[in-house]
Protein backbone atom coordinates (compact mmCIF):
# COMPACT_ATOMS: atom_id res chain seq x y z
CA UNK A 1 -15.66 -35.15 -50.32
CA UNK A 2 -15.24 -31.82 -48.54
CA UNK A 3 -12.14 -31.46 -46.37
CA UNK A 4 -12.96 -31.13 -42.68
CA UNK A 5 -11.65 -28.02 -40.91
CA UNK A 6 -8.78 -29.02 -38.62
CA UNK A 7 -8.75 -27.94 -34.96
CA UNK A 8 -5.87 -28.30 -32.52
CA UNK A 9 -7.36 -28.67 -29.00
CA UNK A 10 -4.88 -28.07 -26.18
CA UNK A 11 -5.83 -28.88 -22.57
CA UNK A 12 -4.13 -30.76 -19.73
CA UNK A 13 -7.45 -32.17 -18.50
CA UNK A 14 -8.28 -35.38 -20.36
CA UNK A 15 -11.97 -35.00 -19.54
CA UNK A 16 -12.09 -31.52 -21.12
CA UNK A 17 -10.34 -32.80 -24.25
CA UNK A 18 -12.83 -35.65 -24.56
CA UNK A 19 -15.80 -33.28 -24.25
CA UNK A 20 -14.37 -30.81 -26.79
CA UNK A 21 -13.58 -33.60 -29.22
CA UNK A 22 -17.14 -34.90 -28.99
CA UNK A 23 -18.64 -31.45 -29.60
CA UNK A 24 -16.33 -30.56 -32.47
CA UNK A 25 -16.23 -33.97 -34.18
CA UNK A 26 -20.03 -34.10 -34.18
CA UNK A 27 -20.05 -30.66 -35.84
CA UNK A 28 -17.77 -31.82 -38.66
CA UNK A 29 -14.30 -30.84 -37.45
CA UNK A 30 -11.16 -32.98 -37.44
CA UNK A 31 -9.70 -32.69 -33.92
CA UNK A 32 -6.03 -33.05 -32.95
CA UNK A 33 -5.38 -33.26 -29.21
CA UNK A 34 -2.47 -32.06 -27.07
CA UNK A 35 -2.06 -32.13 -23.27
CA UNK A 36 0.24 -29.08 -22.95
CA UNK A 37 1.97 -26.36 -24.95
CA UNK A 38 5.11 -28.38 -25.74
CA UNK A 39 3.10 -31.25 -27.19
CA UNK A 40 0.92 -28.72 -29.04
CA UNK A 41 3.97 -27.19 -30.74
CA UNK A 42 5.00 -30.65 -31.94
CA UNK A 43 1.47 -31.40 -33.18
CA UNK A 44 1.40 -28.07 -35.01
CA UNK A 45 4.67 -28.87 -36.80
CA UNK A 46 3.22 -32.24 -37.80
CA UNK A 47 -0.04 -30.62 -38.95
CA UNK A 48 0.83 -27.23 -40.50
CA UNK A 49 -2.64 -27.05 -42.09
CA UNK A 50 -4.40 -26.56 -38.72
CA UNK A 51 -7.21 -24.03 -39.19
CA UNK A 52 -8.01 -23.05 -35.58
CA UNK A 53 -6.44 -23.59 -32.15
CA UNK A 54 -8.55 -24.00 -28.98
CA UNK A 55 -6.08 -23.33 -26.17
CA UNK A 56 -6.25 -23.77 -22.40
CA UNK A 57 -4.44 -21.07 -20.44
CA UNK A 58 -3.28 -22.95 -17.32
CA UNK A 59 -1.20 -26.06 -18.17
CA UNK A 60 2.03 -27.75 -16.96
CA UNK A 61 5.32 -27.77 -18.93
CA UNK A 62 4.27 -24.92 -21.21
CA UNK A 63 1.13 -22.90 -20.47
CA UNK A 64 -1.19 -21.26 -22.99
CA UNK A 65 0.46 -17.85 -22.88
CA UNK A 66 3.94 -19.28 -23.54
CA UNK A 67 2.59 -21.40 -26.40
CA UNK A 68 0.84 -18.35 -27.85
CA UNK A 69 4.07 -16.33 -27.76
CA UNK A 70 5.84 -19.07 -29.72
CA UNK A 71 3.33 -19.28 -32.56
CA UNK A 72 2.80 -15.51 -32.88
CA UNK A 73 6.59 -15.07 -33.25
CA UNK A 74 6.85 -17.85 -35.85
CA UNK A 75 6.93 -17.46 -39.62
CA UNK A 76 4.51 -20.36 -40.18
CA UNK A 77 1.59 -19.82 -37.81
CA UNK A 78 1.07 -16.15 -36.83
CA UNK A 79 -2.30 -15.96 -38.64
CA UNK A 80 -3.86 -19.13 -37.18
CA UNK A 81 -6.76 -17.91 -34.98
CA UNK A 82 -6.53 -18.85 -31.31
CA UNK A 83 -9.53 -19.38 -29.03
CA UNK A 84 -8.39 -19.29 -25.41
CA UNK A 85 -10.49 -21.22 -22.92
CA UNK A 86 -9.88 -20.33 -19.30
CA UNK A 87 -11.38 -20.12 -15.84
CA UNK A 88 -9.25 -16.99 -15.34
CA UNK A 89 -11.84 -14.42 -16.40
CA UNK A 90 -10.44 -11.34 -14.65
CA UNK A 91 -10.26 -8.34 -16.98
CA UNK A 92 -6.51 -7.92 -16.67
CA UNK A 93 -5.92 -11.59 -17.56
CA UNK A 94 -8.26 -11.41 -20.55
CA UNK A 95 -6.55 -8.20 -21.67
CA UNK A 96 -3.16 -9.89 -21.39
CA UNK A 97 -4.40 -12.59 -23.74
CA UNK A 98 -5.86 -10.07 -26.18
CA UNK A 99 -2.58 -8.15 -26.29
CA UNK A 100 -0.77 -11.42 -26.98
CA UNK A 101 -2.98 -12.15 -29.99
CA UNK A 102 -6.12 -13.88 -28.66
CA UNK A 103 -9.23 -12.51 -30.39
CA UNK A 104 -11.59 -15.19 -29.10
CA UNK A 105 -12.26 -16.22 -25.51
CA UNK A 106 -14.30 -18.98 -23.87
CA UNK A 107 -14.76 -18.72 -20.11
CA UNK A 108 -15.23 -22.08 -18.38
CA UNK A 109 -17.75 -23.54 -17.98
CA UNK A 110 -19.31 -23.06 -21.42
CA UNK A 111 -21.81 -25.03 -23.47
CA UNK A 112 -21.33 -26.67 -26.85
CA UNK A 113 -23.34 -24.02 -28.72
CA UNK A 114 -21.05 -21.22 -27.53
CA UNK A 115 -17.92 -23.25 -28.39
CA UNK A 116 -19.20 -24.01 -31.89
CA UNK A 117 -20.33 -20.40 -32.50
CA UNK A 118 -16.93 -19.00 -31.51
CA UNK A 119 -15.18 -21.72 -33.51
CA UNK A 120 -17.22 -20.89 -36.60
CA UNK A 121 -16.52 -17.16 -36.24
CA UNK A 122 -12.78 -17.77 -35.89
CA UNK A 123 -12.74 -20.06 -38.92
CA UNK A 124 -14.78 -17.63 -41.03
CA UNK A 125 -12.49 -14.73 -40.12
CA UNK A 126 -9.38 -16.73 -40.97
CA UNK A 127 -10.80 -17.83 -44.33
CA UNK A 128 -11.91 -14.30 -45.14
CA UNK A 129 -8.45 -12.88 -44.39
CA UNK A 130 -6.75 -15.47 -46.59
CA UNK A 131 -9.24 -14.96 -49.42
CA UNK A 132 -8.78 -11.19 -49.25
CA UNK A 133 -5.00 -11.41 -49.27
CA UNK A 134 -5.04 -13.79 -52.24
CA UNK A 135 -7.51 -11.62 -54.15
CA UNK A 136 -5.73 -8.29 -53.75
CA UNK A 137 -2.41 -9.74 -54.89
CA UNK A 138 -3.93 -10.17 -58.34
CA UNK A 139 -5.57 -6.75 -58.64
CA UNK A 140 -2.77 -4.19 -58.24
CA UNK A 141 -1.42 -3.35 -61.71
CA UNK A 142 -2.80 0.08 -62.75
CA UNK A 143 -4.75 0.83 -59.59
CA UNK A 144 -1.75 2.46 -57.95
CA UNK A 145 -2.21 5.37 -60.38
CA UNK A 146 -5.67 6.31 -59.11
CA UNK A 147 -5.85 9.66 -57.28
CA UNK A 148 -9.54 10.19 -56.53
CA UNK A 149 -12.77 8.23 -56.86
CA UNK A 150 -16.24 7.94 -55.27
CA UNK A 151 -18.13 4.66 -54.94
CA UNK A 152 -21.66 3.74 -53.83
CA UNK A 153 -22.33 0.39 -52.10
CA UNK A 154 -25.38 -1.35 -50.56
CA UNK A 155 -24.77 -5.04 -49.95
CA UNK A 156 -22.20 -7.24 -48.23
CA UNK A 157 -21.04 -8.40 -51.65
CA UNK A 158 -20.59 -4.78 -52.70
CA UNK A 159 -18.53 -4.21 -49.55
CA UNK A 160 -16.25 -7.18 -50.20
CA UNK A 161 -15.70 -6.31 -53.86
CA UNK A 162 -14.98 -2.68 -53.01
CA UNK A 163 -12.56 -3.69 -50.24
CA UNK A 164 -10.57 -5.81 -52.72
CA UNK A 165 -10.49 -3.02 -55.27
CA UNK A 166 -9.56 -0.14 -52.97
CA UNK A 167 -7.00 -2.13 -50.98
CA UNK A 168 -5.15 -2.76 -54.22
CA UNK A 169 -4.43 0.98 -54.43
CA UNK A 170 -2.39 0.87 -51.20
CA UNK A 171 1.32 0.00 -50.96
CA UNK A 172 0.52 -2.95 -48.65
CA UNK A 173 -2.90 -4.19 -49.82
CA UNK A 174 -2.80 -7.39 -47.73
CA UNK A 175 -2.50 -5.24 -44.60
CA UNK A 176 -5.36 -2.89 -45.52
CA UNK A 177 -7.97 -5.22 -47.02
CA UNK A 178 -9.29 -6.88 -43.86
CA UNK A 179 -9.76 -3.63 -41.93
CA UNK A 180 -11.35 -1.94 -44.94
CA UNK A 181 -13.77 -4.81 -45.40
CA UNK A 182 -14.76 -4.67 -41.71
CA UNK A 183 -15.52 -0.94 -41.86
CA UNK A 184 -17.56 -1.32 -45.05
CA UNK A 185 -19.56 -4.20 -43.53
CA UNK A 186 -20.21 -2.04 -40.45
CA UNK A 187 -21.61 0.67 -42.72
CA UNK A 188 -24.01 -1.84 -44.30
CA UNK A 189 -25.23 -3.86 -41.32
CA UNK A 190 -24.94 -1.46 -38.37
CA UNK A 191 -25.33 1.79 -40.29
CA UNK A 192 -27.84 1.38 -43.10
CA UNK A 193 -29.67 -1.71 -41.80
CA UNK A 194 -29.70 -0.74 -38.12
CA UNK A 195 -28.51 -4.09 -36.72
CA UNK A 196 -27.29 -3.25 -33.21
CA UNK A 197 -24.36 -4.99 -31.50
CA UNK A 198 -26.41 -7.17 -29.12
CA UNK A 199 -28.82 -8.05 -31.92
CA UNK A 200 -25.96 -9.23 -34.13
CA UNK A 201 -24.68 -11.41 -31.28
CA UNK A 202 -28.08 -13.10 -31.03
CA UNK A 203 -28.32 -13.53 -34.79
CA UNK A 204 -24.87 -15.12 -35.04
CA UNK A 205 -25.53 -17.51 -32.15
CA UNK A 206 -28.86 -18.38 -33.79
CA UNK A 207 -27.18 -18.99 -37.16
CA UNK A 208 -29.35 -16.45 -39.00
CA UNK A 209 -27.25 -13.26 -39.25
CA UNK A 210 -26.81 -13.43 -43.03
CA UNK A 211 -30.50 -14.20 -43.60
CA UNK A 212 -31.50 -11.16 -41.54
CA UNK A 213 -29.11 -8.92 -43.49
CA UNK A 214 -30.61 -10.13 -46.78
CA UNK A 215 -34.15 -9.67 -45.45
CA UNK A 216 -33.49 -6.08 -44.46
CA UNK A 217 -31.73 -5.26 -47.73
CA UNK A 218 -34.95 -6.24 -49.54
CA UNK A 219 -37.29 -4.41 -47.14
CA UNK A 220 -38.83 -1.12 -48.41
CA UNK A 221 -37.60 0.94 -45.45
CA UNK A 222 -33.96 0.06 -46.20
CA UNK A 223 -33.78 -0.36 -49.97
CA UNK A 224 -32.90 3.29 -50.65
CA UNK A 225 -30.11 3.43 -48.09
CA UNK A 226 -26.53 3.21 -49.34
CA UNK A 227 -22.99 3.86 -48.26
CA UNK A 228 -20.40 5.93 -50.06
CA UNK A 229 -16.66 5.57 -50.14
CA UNK A 230 -14.40 8.41 -51.26
CA UNK A 231 -10.80 7.58 -52.13
CA UNK A 232 -8.02 10.18 -52.25
CA UNK A 233 -4.30 9.73 -52.86
CA UNK A 234 -1.51 12.30 -52.64
CA UNK A 235 2.26 11.96 -52.52
CA UNK A 236 2.09 11.97 -48.69
CA UNK A 237 -0.97 9.86 -47.81
CA UNK A 238 -3.83 7.71 -49.01
CA UNK A 239 -7.20 8.27 -47.37
CA UNK A 240 -10.58 6.54 -47.47
CA UNK A 241 -13.74 8.25 -46.23
CA UNK A 242 -16.74 5.97 -45.61
CA UNK A 243 -20.22 7.34 -44.90
CA UNK A 244 -23.50 5.49 -44.43
CA UNK A 245 -27.14 6.63 -44.18
CA UNK A 246 -27.58 5.44 -40.59
CA UNK A 247 -27.95 7.40 -37.37
CA UNK A 248 -24.43 6.70 -36.16
CA UNK A 249 -23.36 4.89 -32.99
CA UNK A 250 -21.15 5.22 -29.92
CA UNK A 251 -17.89 4.30 -31.60
CA UNK A 252 -15.54 5.18 -28.72
CA UNK A 253 -15.87 1.83 -26.94
CA UNK A 254 -15.06 -0.15 -30.09
CA UNK A 255 -11.69 1.49 -30.83
CA UNK A 256 -9.83 -0.94 -28.55
CA UNK A 257 -10.00 -4.70 -28.13
CA UNK A 258 -11.95 -4.98 -24.89
CA UNK A 259 -12.03 -7.79 -22.29
CA UNK A 260 -15.76 -7.12 -21.92
CA UNK A 261 -16.37 -8.32 -25.48
CA UNK A 262 -13.69 -11.02 -25.66
CA UNK A 263 -16.25 -13.84 -25.46
CA UNK A 264 -18.51 -12.38 -28.16
CA UNK A 265 -18.46 -13.97 -31.64
CA UNK A 266 -17.88 -10.56 -33.28
CA UNK A 267 -16.98 -6.97 -32.42
CA UNK A 268 -13.27 -6.84 -33.28
CA UNK A 269 -13.38 -5.19 -36.71
CA UNK A 270 -13.00 -1.52 -35.80
CA UNK A 271 -10.19 -2.15 -33.31
CA UNK A 272 -8.41 -4.48 -35.74
CA UNK A 273 -8.68 -1.85 -38.50
CA UNK A 274 -7.21 0.77 -36.21
CA UNK A 275 -4.39 -1.43 -34.93
CA UNK A 276 -3.31 -3.39 -38.00
CA UNK A 277 -4.68 -1.85 -41.21
CA UNK A 278 -4.32 1.95 -41.01
CA UNK A 279 -2.09 4.56 -39.42
CA UNK A 280 -5.15 6.61 -38.46
CA UNK A 281 -8.86 5.79 -38.04
CA UNK A 282 -11.06 8.77 -37.12
CA UNK A 283 -14.84 8.71 -36.61
CA UNK A 284 -16.69 11.89 -37.46
CA UNK A 285 -19.98 13.41 -36.33
CA UNK A 286 -22.47 10.94 -34.89
CA UNK A 287 -20.37 7.98 -36.01
CA UNK A 288 -21.82 7.32 -39.46
CA UNK A 289 -18.62 8.63 -41.06
CA UNK A 290 -15.08 7.33 -40.68
CA UNK A 291 -11.81 8.56 -42.19
CA UNK A 292 -8.93 6.08 -42.56
CA UNK A 293 -5.40 7.06 -43.57
CA UNK A 294 -2.13 5.44 -44.51
CA UNK A 295 0.85 7.79 -44.50
CA UNK A 296 3.34 7.26 -47.33
CA UNK A 297 6.09 9.27 -45.63
CA UNK A 298 7.73 7.00 -43.01
CA UNK A 299 8.27 9.93 -40.63
CA UNK A 300 4.55 10.83 -40.73
CA UNK A 301 3.60 7.21 -40.13
CA UNK A 302 5.78 6.99 -37.02
CA UNK A 303 4.45 10.20 -35.44
CA UNK A 304 0.77 9.80 -36.50
CA UNK A 305 -1.65 9.68 -33.54
CA UNK A 306 -4.18 6.85 -33.42
CA UNK A 307 -7.28 9.00 -33.32
CA UNK A 308 -10.85 8.09 -32.42
């Protein structure tokens, strides 16, 4: 029997907890309930295998922001994805949550479909990060000797395999792999296949994003399109240049985690790559090329600008 994903739902309103539990239990999740941040910390210690946390912001005893600060500073739970549900939808409040580590937002009131879509996205991202970290740990060996290579990729599977391989050439592969995978996926779906941001949102909410990607990969107008990754390593830096056959896009607005997109089930990959995976991420030309760098000299890494 498959193990149910485990969700910690934190809300001081009993009615809200009951509704969330109904939605999530019906969708196949095991739900643990907590009425405030202090109780949630205890529940988390008792259930260290929690996969996702759905967190209310305004609560007595310990509110959502204080609870978030505790788990992000811990050794056990910093990578557990947090979905913050709140009626406080002002941009500055959403940005405060993003800066504290919230990648997923639900603004009250919301329906069950939006909750389950965001929950699924959070769970998929968490599983992907763990899988990537586990995979690259086993692939390092001789790859650190590679100085230059060029690779061609077309599919999402190509992107994932290439991300594992190239990340293993970096000093901290677990840090690089997720951001690299996100940029390679962008090159496939947004670049070569022309799936726009709003269209991807609709496809994810409709549960058919992957099917549409596969359909376009097989379509005659897309089958010749491919991406290319060029890897270079010197004594001072490691760089990856990714180019796709698309028309490019307006990349500027995706370089930061934005309150305007906090409730979307995707759209965090470029910003996450820039913030957590590389010292420098620079888009070139129309946006169908991106250069990512990790500086091997600590002084260069500290003074490197985060370019756009």
